[in-house]
Amino acid sequence: MIAIGVFAAPHLTVRAGLAVEAIATLLAGTYCLLNFWRCREPHCIVSGTGWAMLALFEFAELGLGRNLIDRSEGLAFLIVLVLAFAFETI
């Protein structure tokens, strides 16, 4: 559900898209950080921290009212996911 929000956001207006992305990314990051508390999976801390930082960046973009990285937040979301699972694998 969160990934759908992140990848659907570029098809909305700039402000609406940024709001959807920021909220979805913040929810994903919060879930992962809380899940780390419960299960201690290494990927949870990487994805939770990465998505929380991405959410802060998206909220800053929302405050400015424009995209700073040319609507590539969905790609950044995926990169954090890949890095988290790579960390888990290592």
C-alpha atoms as a PDB file:
ATOM      1  CA  MET A   1       0.000   0.000   0.000  1.00  0.00           C
ATOM      2  CA  ILE A   2       2.809   2.408   0.889  1.00  0.00           C
ATOM      3  CA  ALA A   3       4.745   1.590  -2.289  1.00  0.00           C
ATOM      4  CA  ILE A   4       1.613   2.271  -4.349  1.00  0.00           C
ATOM      5  CA  GLY A   5       1.376   5.711  -2.736  1.00  0.00           C
ATOM      6  CA  VAL A   6       5.033   6.450  -3.425  1.00  0.00           C
ATOM      7  CA  PHE A   7       4.861   5.396  -7.071  1.00  0.00           C
ATOM      8  CA  ALA A   8       1.425   6.932  -7.757  1.00  0.00           C
ATOM      9  CA  ALA A   9       2.503  10.311  -6.405  1.00  0.00           C
ATOM     10  CA  PRO A  10       4.344  11.462  -9.564  1.00  0.00           C
ATOM     11  CA  HIS A  11       1.034  11.338 -11.424  1.00  0.00           C
ATOM     12  CA  LEU A  12      -0.540  13.896  -9.063  1.00  0.00           C
ATOM     13  CA  THR A  13       0.054  17.620  -8.856  1.00  0.00           C
ATOM     14  CA  VAL A  14       3.402  18.580  -7.354  1.00  0.00           C
ATOM     15  CA  ARG A  15       2.124  19.496  -3.887  1.00  0.00           C
ATOM     16  CA  ALA A  16      -0.313  16.569  -3.652  1.00  0.00           C
ATOM     17  CA  GLY A  17       2.340  14.162  -4.904  1.00  0.00           C
ATOM     18  CA  LEU A  18       4.889  15.404  -2.396  1.00  0.00           C
ATOM     19  CA  ALA A  19       2.378  15.122   0.438  1.00  0.00           C
ATOM     20  CA  VAL A  20       1.456  11.541  -0.503  1.00  0.00           C
ATOM     21  CA  GLU A  21       5.117  10.560  -0.877  1.00  0.00           C
ATOM     22  CA  ALA A  22       6.152  12.167   2.400  1.00  0.00           C
ATOM     23  CA  ILE A  23       3.349  10.556   4.404  1.00  0.00           C
ATOM     24  CA  ALA A  24       3.825   7.125   2.799  1.00  0.00           C
ATOM     25  CA  THR A  25       7.588   7.209   3.314  1.00  0.00           C
ATOM     26  CA  LEU A  26       7.207   8.373   6.921  1.00  0.00           C
ATOM     27  CA  LEU A  27       4.758   5.535   7.618  1.00  0.00           C
ATOM     28  CA  ALA A  28       7.142   2.985   6.084  1.00  0.00           C
ATOM     29  CA  GLY A  29      10.086   4.330   8.074  1.00  0.00           C
ATOM     30  CA  THR A  30       8.132   4.405  11.322  1.00  0.00           C
ATOM     31  CA  TYR A  31       6.893   0.864  10.801  1.00  0.00           C
ATOM     32  CA  CYS A  32      10.419  -0.426  10.156  1.00  0.00           C
ATOM     33  CA  LEU A  33      11.903   1.343  13.170  1.00  0.00           C
ATOM     34  CA  LEU A  34       9.154   0.016  15.442  1.00  0.00           C
ATOM     35  CA  ASN A  35       9.532  -3.438  13.919  1.00  0.00           C
ATOM     36  CA  PHE A  36      13.271  -3.334  14.653  1.00  0.00           C
ATOM     37  CA  TRP A  37      12.408  -2.854  18.324  1.00  0.00           C
ATOM     38  CA  ARG A  38      10.389  -6.085  18.168  1.00  0.00           C
ATOM     39  CA  CYS A  39      12.356  -8.422  15.889  1.00  0.00           C
ATOM     40  CA  ARG A  40      15.922  -6.989  15.739  1.00  0.00           C
ATOM     41  CA  GLU A  41      16.253  -7.669  11.992  1.00  0.00           C
ATOM     42  CA  PRO A  42      19.214  -5.659  10.652  1.00  0.00           C
ATOM     43  CA  HIS A  43      17.364  -4.521   7.530  1.00  0.00           C
ATOM     44  CA  CYS A  44      14.729  -2.817   9.692  1.00  0.00           C
ATOM     45  CA  ILE A  45      17.183  -0.297  11.105  1.00  0.00           C
ATOM     46  CA  VAL A  46      18.634   0.471   7.656  1.00  0.00           C
ATOM     47  CA  SER A  47      15.287   0.827   5.894  1.00  0.00           C
ATOM     48  CA  GLY A  48      13.671   2.622   8.851  1.00  0.00           C
ATOM     49  CA  THR A  49      16.452   5.180   9.118  1.00  0.00           C
ATOM     50  CA  GLY A  50      16.755   5.606   5.358  1.00  0.00           C
ATOM     51  CA  TRP A  51      13.042   6.108   4.844  1.00  0.00           C
ATOM     52  CA  ALA A  52      12.777   8.460   7.821  1.00  0.00           C
ATOM     53  CA  MET A  53      15.531  10.648   6.321  1.00  0.00           C
ATOM     54  CA  LEU A  54      13.852  10.475   2.902  1.00  0.00           C
ATOM     55  CA  ALA A  55      10.543  11.518   4.511  1.00  0.00           C
ATOM     56  CA  LEU A  56      12.217  14.539   6.125  1.00  0.00           C
ATOM     57  CA  PHE A  57      13.624  15.497   2.728  1.00  0.00           C
ATOM     58  CA  GLU A  58      10.177  15.102   1.134  1.00  0.00           C
ATOM     59  CA  PHE A  59       8.571  17.265   3.831  1.00  0.00           C
ATOM     60  CA  ALA A  60      11.237  19.910   3.148  1.00  0.00           C
ATOM     61  CA  GLU A  61      10.359  19.730  -0.555  1.00  0.00           C
ATOM     62  CA  LEU A  62       6.690  20.067   0.341  1.00  0.00           C
ATOM     63  CA  GLY A  63       7.501  23.158   2.395  1.00  0.00           C
ATOM     64  CA  LEU A  64       9.316  24.642  -0.592  1.00  0.00           C
ATOM     65  CA  GLY A  65       6.490  23.600  -2.895  1.00  0.00           C
ATOM     66  CA  ARG A  66       8.733  22.008  -5.507  1.00  0.00           C
ATOM     67  CA  ASN A  67      10.765  18.914  -6.235  1.00  0.00           C
ATOM     68  CA  LEU A  68      14.493  19.173  -5.722  1.00  0.00           C
ATOM     69  CA  ILE A  69      15.413  15.831  -7.307  1.00  0.00           C
ATOM     70  CA  ASP A  70      13.075  15.816 -10.320  1.00  0.00           C
ATOM     71  CA  ARG A  71      10.378  13.526  -8.886  1.00  0.00           C
ATOM     72  CA  SER A  72      12.746  10.618  -8.242  1.00  0.00           C
ATOM     73  CA  GLU A  73      11.652   9.965  -4.673  1.00  0.00           C
ATOM     74  CA  GLY A  74      10.137   6.613  -5.680  1.00  0.00           C
ATOM     75  CA  LEU A  75      13.518   5.517  -6.977  1.00  0.00           C
ATOM     76  CA  ALA A  76      15.167   6.674  -3.749  1.00  0.00           C
ATOM     77  CA  PHE A  77      12.576   4.631  -1.812  1.00  0.00           C
ATOM     78  CA  LEU A  78      13.548   1.521  -3.797  1.00  0.00           C
ATOM     79  CA  ILE A  79      17.272   2.172  -3.371  1.00  0.00           C
ATOM     80  CA  VAL A  80      16.836   2.256   0.413  1.00  0.00           C
ATOM     81  CA  LEU A  81      14.916  -1.028   0.227  1.00  0.00           C
ATOM     82  CA  VAL A  82      17.658  -2.701  -1.843  1.00  0.00           C
ATOM     83  CA  LEU A  83      20.381  -1.393   0.481  1.00  0.00           C
ATOM     84  CA  ALA A  84      18.489  -2.675   3.511  1.00  0.00           C
ATOM     85  CA  PHE A  85      18.178  -6.187   2.153  1.00  0.00           C
ATOM     86  CA  ALA A  86      21.772  -6.156   0.914  1.00  0.00           C
ATOM     87  CA  PHE A  87      22.822  -5.235   4.456  1.00  0.00           C
ATOM     88  CA  GLU A  88      20.716  -8.106   5.800  1.00  0.00           C
ATOM     89  CA  THR A  89      22.313 -10.526   3.341  1.00  0.00           C
ATOM     90  CA  ILE A  90      25.838  -9.495   4.255  1.00  0.00           C
END
